[in-house]
Amino acid sequence: MQDDLLVVGFDLETRREVHVAERPPEYWKRLGYGGTGQLVCFYCFHDSRPRLACGCRW
């Protein structure tokens, strides 16, 4: 299994947890870093440590 398939995000607009398998990669790229910024790493968002503390690529 690819590591990318385990990625969980958090949609700041809908305020819900999302999983990478729910939509095609192009959809997530538009919402993530470099796009609208609406999608962030679930673990970074819910952690008090500095952003990208989990080593994610969001």
PDB file of N, CA and C in Angstrom:
ATOM      1  N   MET A   1       0.846  -1.182   0.000  1.00  0.00           N
ATOM      2  CA  MET A   1       0.000   0.000   0.000  1.00  0.00           C
ATOM      3  C   MET A   1       0.889   1.241   0.000  1.00  0.00           C
ATOM      4  N   GLN A   2       0.534   2.212  -0.805  1.00  0.00           N
ATOM      5  CA  GLN A   2       1.286   3.458  -0.852  1.00  0.00           C
ATOM      6  C   GLN A   2       1.001   4.299   0.379  1.00  0.00           C
ATOM      7  N   ASP A   3       2.014   5.036   0.848  1.00  0.00           N
ATOM      8  CA  ASP A   3       1.831   5.910   2.005  1.00  0.00           C
ATOM      9  C   ASP A   3       0.779   6.977   1.742  1.00  0.00           C
ATOM     10  N   ASP A   4       0.692   7.459   0.499  1.00  0.00           N
ATOM     11  CA  ASP A   4      -0.275   8.505   0.169  1.00  0.00           C
ATOM     12  C   ASP A   4      -1.708   8.076   0.440  1.00  0.00           C
ATOM     13  N   LEU A   5      -1.977   6.792   0.391  1.00  0.00           N
ATOM     14  CA  LEU A   5      -3.340   6.303   0.601  1.00  0.00           C
ATOM     15  C   LEU A   5      -3.752   6.374   2.063  1.00  0.00           C
ATOM     16  N   LEU A   6      -2.819   6.642   2.947  1.00  0.00           N
ATOM     17  CA  LEU A   6      -3.106   6.717   4.371  1.00  0.00           C
ATOM     18  C   LEU A   6      -3.333   8.146   4.849  1.00  0.00           C
ATOM     19  N   VAL A   7      -3.226   9.119   3.965  1.00  0.00           N
ATOM     20  CA  VAL A   7      -3.283  10.528   4.341  1.00  0.00           C
ATOM     21  C   VAL A   7      -4.701  10.945   4.715  1.00  0.00           C
ATOM     22  N   VAL A   8      -4.783  11.618   5.835  1.00  0.00           N
ATOM     23  CA  VAL A   8      -6.053  12.170   6.298  1.00  0.00           C
ATOM     24  C   VAL A   8      -5.906  13.682   6.353  1.00  0.00           C
ATOM     25  N   GLY A   9      -6.894  14.385   5.840  1.00  0.00           N
ATOM     26  CA  GLY A   9      -6.865  15.838   5.846  1.00  0.00           C
ATOM     27  C   GLY A   9      -8.024  16.413   6.628  1.00  0.00           C
ATOM     28  N   PHE A  10      -8.029  17.733   6.762  1.00  0.00           N
ATOM     29  CA  PHE A  10      -9.115  18.431   7.425  1.00  0.00           C
ATOM     30  C   PHE A  10      -9.524  19.593   6.534  1.00  0.00           C
ATOM     31  N   ASP A  11     -10.781  19.621   6.140  1.00  0.00           N
ATOM     32  CA  ASP A  11     -11.318  20.664   5.273  1.00  0.00           C
ATOM     33  C   ASP A  11     -11.773  21.820   6.159  1.00  0.00           C
ATOM     34  N   LEU A  12     -11.102  22.956   6.039  1.00  0.00           N
ATOM     35  CA  LEU A  12     -11.412  24.103   6.898  1.00  0.00           C
ATOM     36  C   LEU A  12     -12.779  24.724   6.604  1.00  0.00           C
ATOM     37  N   GLU A  13     -13.287  24.551   5.392  1.00  0.00           N
ATOM     38  CA  GLU A  13     -14.593  25.116   5.045  1.00  0.00           C
ATOM     39  C   GLU A  13     -15.735  24.248   5.560  1.00  0.00           C
ATOM     40  N   THR A  14     -15.651  22.944   5.340  1.00  0.00           N
ATOM     41  CA  THR A  14     -16.726  22.045   5.779  1.00  0.00           C
ATOM     42  C   THR A  14     -16.551  21.606   7.222  1.00  0.00           C
ATOM     43  N   ARG A  15     -15.336  21.845   7.769  1.00  0.00           N
ATOM     44  CA  ARG A  15     -14.996  21.475   9.152  1.00  0.00           C
ATOM     45  C   ARG A  15     -15.122  19.966   9.376  1.00  0.00           C
ATOM     46  N   ARG A  16     -14.692  19.189   8.372  1.00  0.00           N
ATOM     47  CA  ARG A  16     -14.755  17.740   8.532  1.00  0.00           C
ATOM     48  C   ARG A  16     -13.457  17.075   8.086  1.00  0.00           C
ATOM     49  N   GLU A  17     -13.237  15.893   8.626  1.00  0.00           N
ATOM     50  CA  GLU A  17     -12.097  15.065   8.262  1.00  0.00           C
ATOM     51  C   GLU A  17     -12.342  14.485   6.873  1.00  0.00           C
ATOM     52  N   VAL A  18     -11.320  14.479   6.047  1.00  0.00           N
ATOM     53  CA  VAL A  18     -11.433  13.906   4.708  1.00  0.00           C
ATOM     54  C   VAL A  18     -10.302  12.905   4.494  1.00  0.00           C
ATOM     55  N   HIS A  19     -10.510  11.955   3.614  1.00  0.00           N
ATOM     56  CA  HIS A  19      -9.501  10.956   3.306  1.00  0.00           C
ATOM     57  C   HIS A  19      -9.129  11.064   1.845  1.00  0.00           C
ATOM     58  N   VAL A  20      -7.874  10.882   1.535  1.00  0.00           N
ATOM     59  CA  VAL A  20      -7.359  11.053   0.180  1.00  0.00           C
ATOM     60  C   VAL A  20      -8.120  10.178  -0.833  1.00  0.00           C
ATOM     61  N   ALA A  21      -8.616   9.052  -0.437  1.00  0.00           N
ATOM     62  CA  ALA A  21      -9.306   8.141  -1.354  1.00  0.00           C
ATOM     63  C   ALA A  21     -10.702   8.629  -1.744  1.00  0.00           C
ATOM     64  N   GLU A  22     -11.212   9.664  -1.076  1.00  0.00           N
ATOM     65  CA  GLU A  22     -12.565  10.155  -1.356  1.00  0.00           C
ATOM     66  C   GLU A  22     -12.687  10.875  -2.692  1.00  0.00           C
ATOM     67  N   ARG A  23     -11.602  11.454  -3.185  1.00  0.00           N
ATOM     68  CA  ARG A  23     -11.632  12.258  -4.417  1.00  0.00           C
ATOM     69  C   ARG A  23     -10.346  12.039  -5.205  1.00  0.00           C
ATOM     70  N   PRO A  24     -10.349  12.417  -6.484  1.00  0.00           N
ATOM     71  CA  PRO A  24      -9.123  12.300  -7.276  1.00  0.00           C
ATOM     72  C   PRO A  24      -8.054  13.297  -6.802  1.00  0.00           C
ATOM     73  N   PRO A  25      -6.785  12.993  -7.029  1.00  0.00           N
ATOM     74  CA  PRO A  25      -5.692  13.860  -6.571  1.00  0.00           C
ATOM     75  C   PRO A  25      -5.817  15.309  -7.048  1.00  0.00           C
ATOM     76  N   GLU A  26      -6.321  15.524  -8.247  1.00  0.00           N
ATOM     77  CA  GLU A  26      -6.455  16.884  -8.775  1.00  0.00           C
ATOM     78  C   GLU A  26      -7.364  17.742  -7.892  1.00  0.00           C
ATOM     79  N   TYR A  27      -8.396  17.125  -7.352  1.00  0.00           N
ATOM     80  CA  TYR A  27      -9.330  17.838  -6.470  1.00  0.00           C
ATOM     81  C   TYR A  27      -8.600  18.334  -5.218  1.00  0.00           C
ATOM     82  N   TRP A  28      -7.827  17.446  -4.597  1.00  0.00           N
ATOM     83  CA  TRP A  28      -7.122  17.811  -3.368  1.00  0.00           C
ATOM     84  C   TRP A  28      -6.043  18.852  -3.619  1.00  0.00           C
ATOM     85  N   LYS A  29      -5.375  18.755  -4.771  1.00  0.00           N
ATOM     86  CA  LYS A  29      -4.326  19.724  -5.106  1.00  0.00           C
ATOM     87  C   LYS A  29      -4.889  21.139  -5.214  1.00  0.00           C
ATOM     88  N   ARG A  30      -6.089  21.276  -5.724  1.00  0.00           N
ATOM     89  CA  ARG A  30      -6.720  22.605  -5.824  1.00  0.00           C
ATOM     90  C   ARG A  30      -7.031  23.194  -4.455  1.00  0.00           C
ATOM     91  N   LEU A  31      -7.289  22.344  -3.477  1.00  0.00           N
ATOM     92  CA  LEU A  31      -7.676  22.818  -2.145  1.00  0.00           C
ATOM     93  C   LEU A  31      -6.515  22.912  -1.169  1.00  0.00           C
ATOM     94  N   GLY A  32      -5.421  22.255  -1.465  1.00  0.00           N
ATOM     95  CA  GLY A  32      -4.305  22.177  -0.531  1.00  0.00           C
ATOM     96  C   GLY A  32      -3.336  23.332  -0.633  1.00  0.00           C
ATOM     97  N   TYR A  33      -2.152  23.094  -0.092  1.00  0.00           N
ATOM     98  CA  TYR A  33      -1.076  24.083  -0.107  1.00  0.00           C
ATOM     99  C   TYR A  33      -0.771  24.476  -1.549  1.00  0.00           C
ATOM    100  N   GLY A  34      -0.679  25.739  -1.824  1.00  0.00           N
ATOM    101  CA  GLY A  34      -0.462  26.218  -3.192  1.00  0.00           C
ATOM    102  C   GLY A  34      -1.761  26.436  -3.942  1.00  0.00           C
ATOM    103  N   GLY A  35      -2.868  25.991  -3.373  1.00  0.00           N
ATOM    104  CA  GLY A  35      -4.189  26.217  -3.949  1.00  0.00           C
ATOM    105  C   GLY A  35      -4.951  27.188  -3.063  1.00  0.00           C
ATOM    106  N   THR A  36      -6.155  26.819  -2.697  1.00  0.00           N
ATOM    107  CA  THR A  36      -6.982  27.695  -1.859  1.00  0.00           C
ATOM    108  C   THR A  36      -6.573  27.675  -0.390  1.00  0.00           C
ATOM    109  N   GLY A  37      -5.860  26.619   0.023  1.00  0.00           N
ATOM    110  CA  GLY A  37      -5.465  26.499   1.427  1.00  0.00           C
ATOM    111  C   GLY A  37      -6.582  25.985   2.313  1.00  0.00           C
ATOM    112  N   GLN A  38      -7.683  25.565   1.703  1.00  0.00           N
ATOM    113  CA  GLN A  38      -8.845  25.064   2.441  1.00  0.00           C
ATOM    114  C   GLN A  38      -8.569  23.714   3.090  1.00  0.00           C
ATOM    115  N   LEU A  39      -7.661  22.952   2.511  1.00  0.00           N
ATOM    116  CA  LEU A  39      -7.359  21.619   3.003  1.00  0.00           C
ATOM    117  C   LEU A  39      -6.021  21.616   3.729  1.00  0.00           C
ATOM    118  N   VAL A  40      -6.020  21.121   4.948  1.00  0.00           N
ATOM    119  CA  VAL A  40      -4.800  21.043   5.749  1.00  0.00           C
ATOM    120  C   VAL A  40      -4.651  19.633   6.303  1.00  0.00           C
ATOM    121  N   CYS A  41      -3.486  19.338   6.817  1.00  0.00           N
ATOM    122  CA  CYS A  41      -3.245  18.044   7.447  1.00  0.00           C
ATOM    123  C   CYS A  41      -4.092  17.938   8.725  1.00  0.00           C
ATOM    124  N   PHE A  42      -4.824  16.864   8.850  1.00  0.00           N
ATOM    125  CA  PHE A  42      -5.681  16.638  10.012  1.00  0.00           C
ATOM    126  C   PHE A  42      -4.859  16.673  11.299  1.00  0.00           C
ATOM    127  N   TYR A  43      -3.715  15.998  11.288  1.00  0.00           N
ATOM    128  CA  TYR A  43      -2.901  15.890  12.501  1.00  0.00           C
ATOM    129  C   TYR A  43      -2.260  17.216  12.872  1.00  0.00           C
ATOM    130  N   CYS A  44      -1.801  17.961  11.880  1.00  0.00           N
ATOM    131  CA  CYS A  44      -1.206  19.274  12.166  1.00  0.00           C
ATOM    132  C   CYS A  44      -2.270  20.242  12.688  1.00  0.00           C
ATOM    133  N   PHE A  45      -3.457  20.195  12.122  1.00  0.00           N
ATOM    134  CA  PHE A  45      -4.527  21.101  12.532  1.00  0.00           C
ATOM    135  C   PHE A  45      -4.958  20.840  13.974  1.00  0.00           C
ATOM    136  N   HIS A  46      -5.001  19.585  14.363  1.00  0.00           N
ATOM    137  CA  HIS A  46      -5.468  19.223  15.702  1.00  0.00           C
ATOM    138  C   HIS A  46      -4.351  19.058  16.720  1.00  0.00           C
ATOM    139  N   ASP A  47      -3.161  19.522  16.392  1.00  0.00           N
ATOM    140  CA  ASP A  47      -2.011  19.399  17.287  1.00  0.00           C
ATOM    141  C   ASP A  47      -1.524  20.801  17.652  1.00  0.00           C
ATOM    142  N   SER A  48      -1.089  20.990  18.861  1.00  0.00           N
ATOM    143  CA  SER A  48      -0.632  22.313  19.295  1.00  0.00           C
ATOM    144  C   SER A  48       0.804  22.611  18.855  1.00  0.00           C
ATOM    145  N   ARG A  49       1.488  21.612  18.314  1.00  0.00           N
ATOM    146  CA  ARG A  49       2.855  21.827  17.838  1.00  0.00           C
ATOM    147  C   ARG A  49       2.839  22.663  16.557  1.00  0.00           C
ATOM    148  N   PRO A  50       3.984  23.162  16.131  1.00  0.00           N
ATOM    149  CA  PRO A  50       4.034  23.955  14.895  1.00  0.00           C
ATOM    150  C   PRO A  50       3.511  23.175  13.699  1.00  0.00           C
ATOM    151  N   ARG A  51       2.988  23.887  12.737  1.00  0.00           N
ATOM    152  CA  ARG A  51       2.430  23.279  11.536  1.00  0.00           C
ATOM    153  C   ARG A  51       3.448  22.363  10.862  1.00  0.00           C
ATOM    154  N   LEU A  52       2.975  21.333  10.261  1.00  0.00           N
ATOM    155  CA  LEU A  52       3.758  20.299   9.597  1.00  0.00           C
ATOM    156  C   LEU A  52       4.601  19.495  10.584  1.00  0.00           C
ATOM    157  N   ALA A  53       4.138  19.432  11.802  1.00  0.00           N
ATOM    158  CA  ALA A  53       4.840  18.663  12.835  1.00  0.00           C
ATOM    159  C   ALA A  53       4.882  17.183  12.510  1.00  0.00           C
ATOM    160  N   CYS A  54       3.939  16.705  11.724  1.00  0.00           N
ATOM    161  CA  CYS A  54       3.899  15.265  11.421  1.00  0.00           C
ATOM    162  C   CYS A  54       4.774  14.910  10.226  1.00  0.00           C
ATOM    163  N   GLY A  55       5.331  15.894   9.545  1.00  0.00           N
ATOM    164  CA  GLY A  55       6.173  15.634   8.383  1.00  0.00           C
ATOM    165  C   GLY A  55       5.378  15.451   7.116  1.00  0.00           C
ATOM    166  N   CYS A  56       4.136  15.865   7.118  1.00  0.00           N
ATOM    167  CA  CYS A  56       3.279  15.693   5.944  1.00  0.00           C
ATOM    168  C   CYS A  56       3.651  16.640   4.818  1.00  0.00           C
ATOM    169  N   ARG A  57       3.012  16.465   3.682  1.00  0.00           N
ATOM    170  CA  ARG A  57       3.274  17.307   2.523  1.00  0.00           C
ATOM    171  C   ARG A  57       2.095  18.235   2.208  1.00  0.00           C
ATOM    172  N   TRP A  58       1.168  18.376   3.108  1.00  0.00           N
ATOM    173  CA  TRP A  58      -0.011  19.202   2.829  1.00  0.00           C
ATOM    174  C   TRP A  58       0.428  20.594   2.842  1.00  0.00           C
TER     175      TRP A  58
END
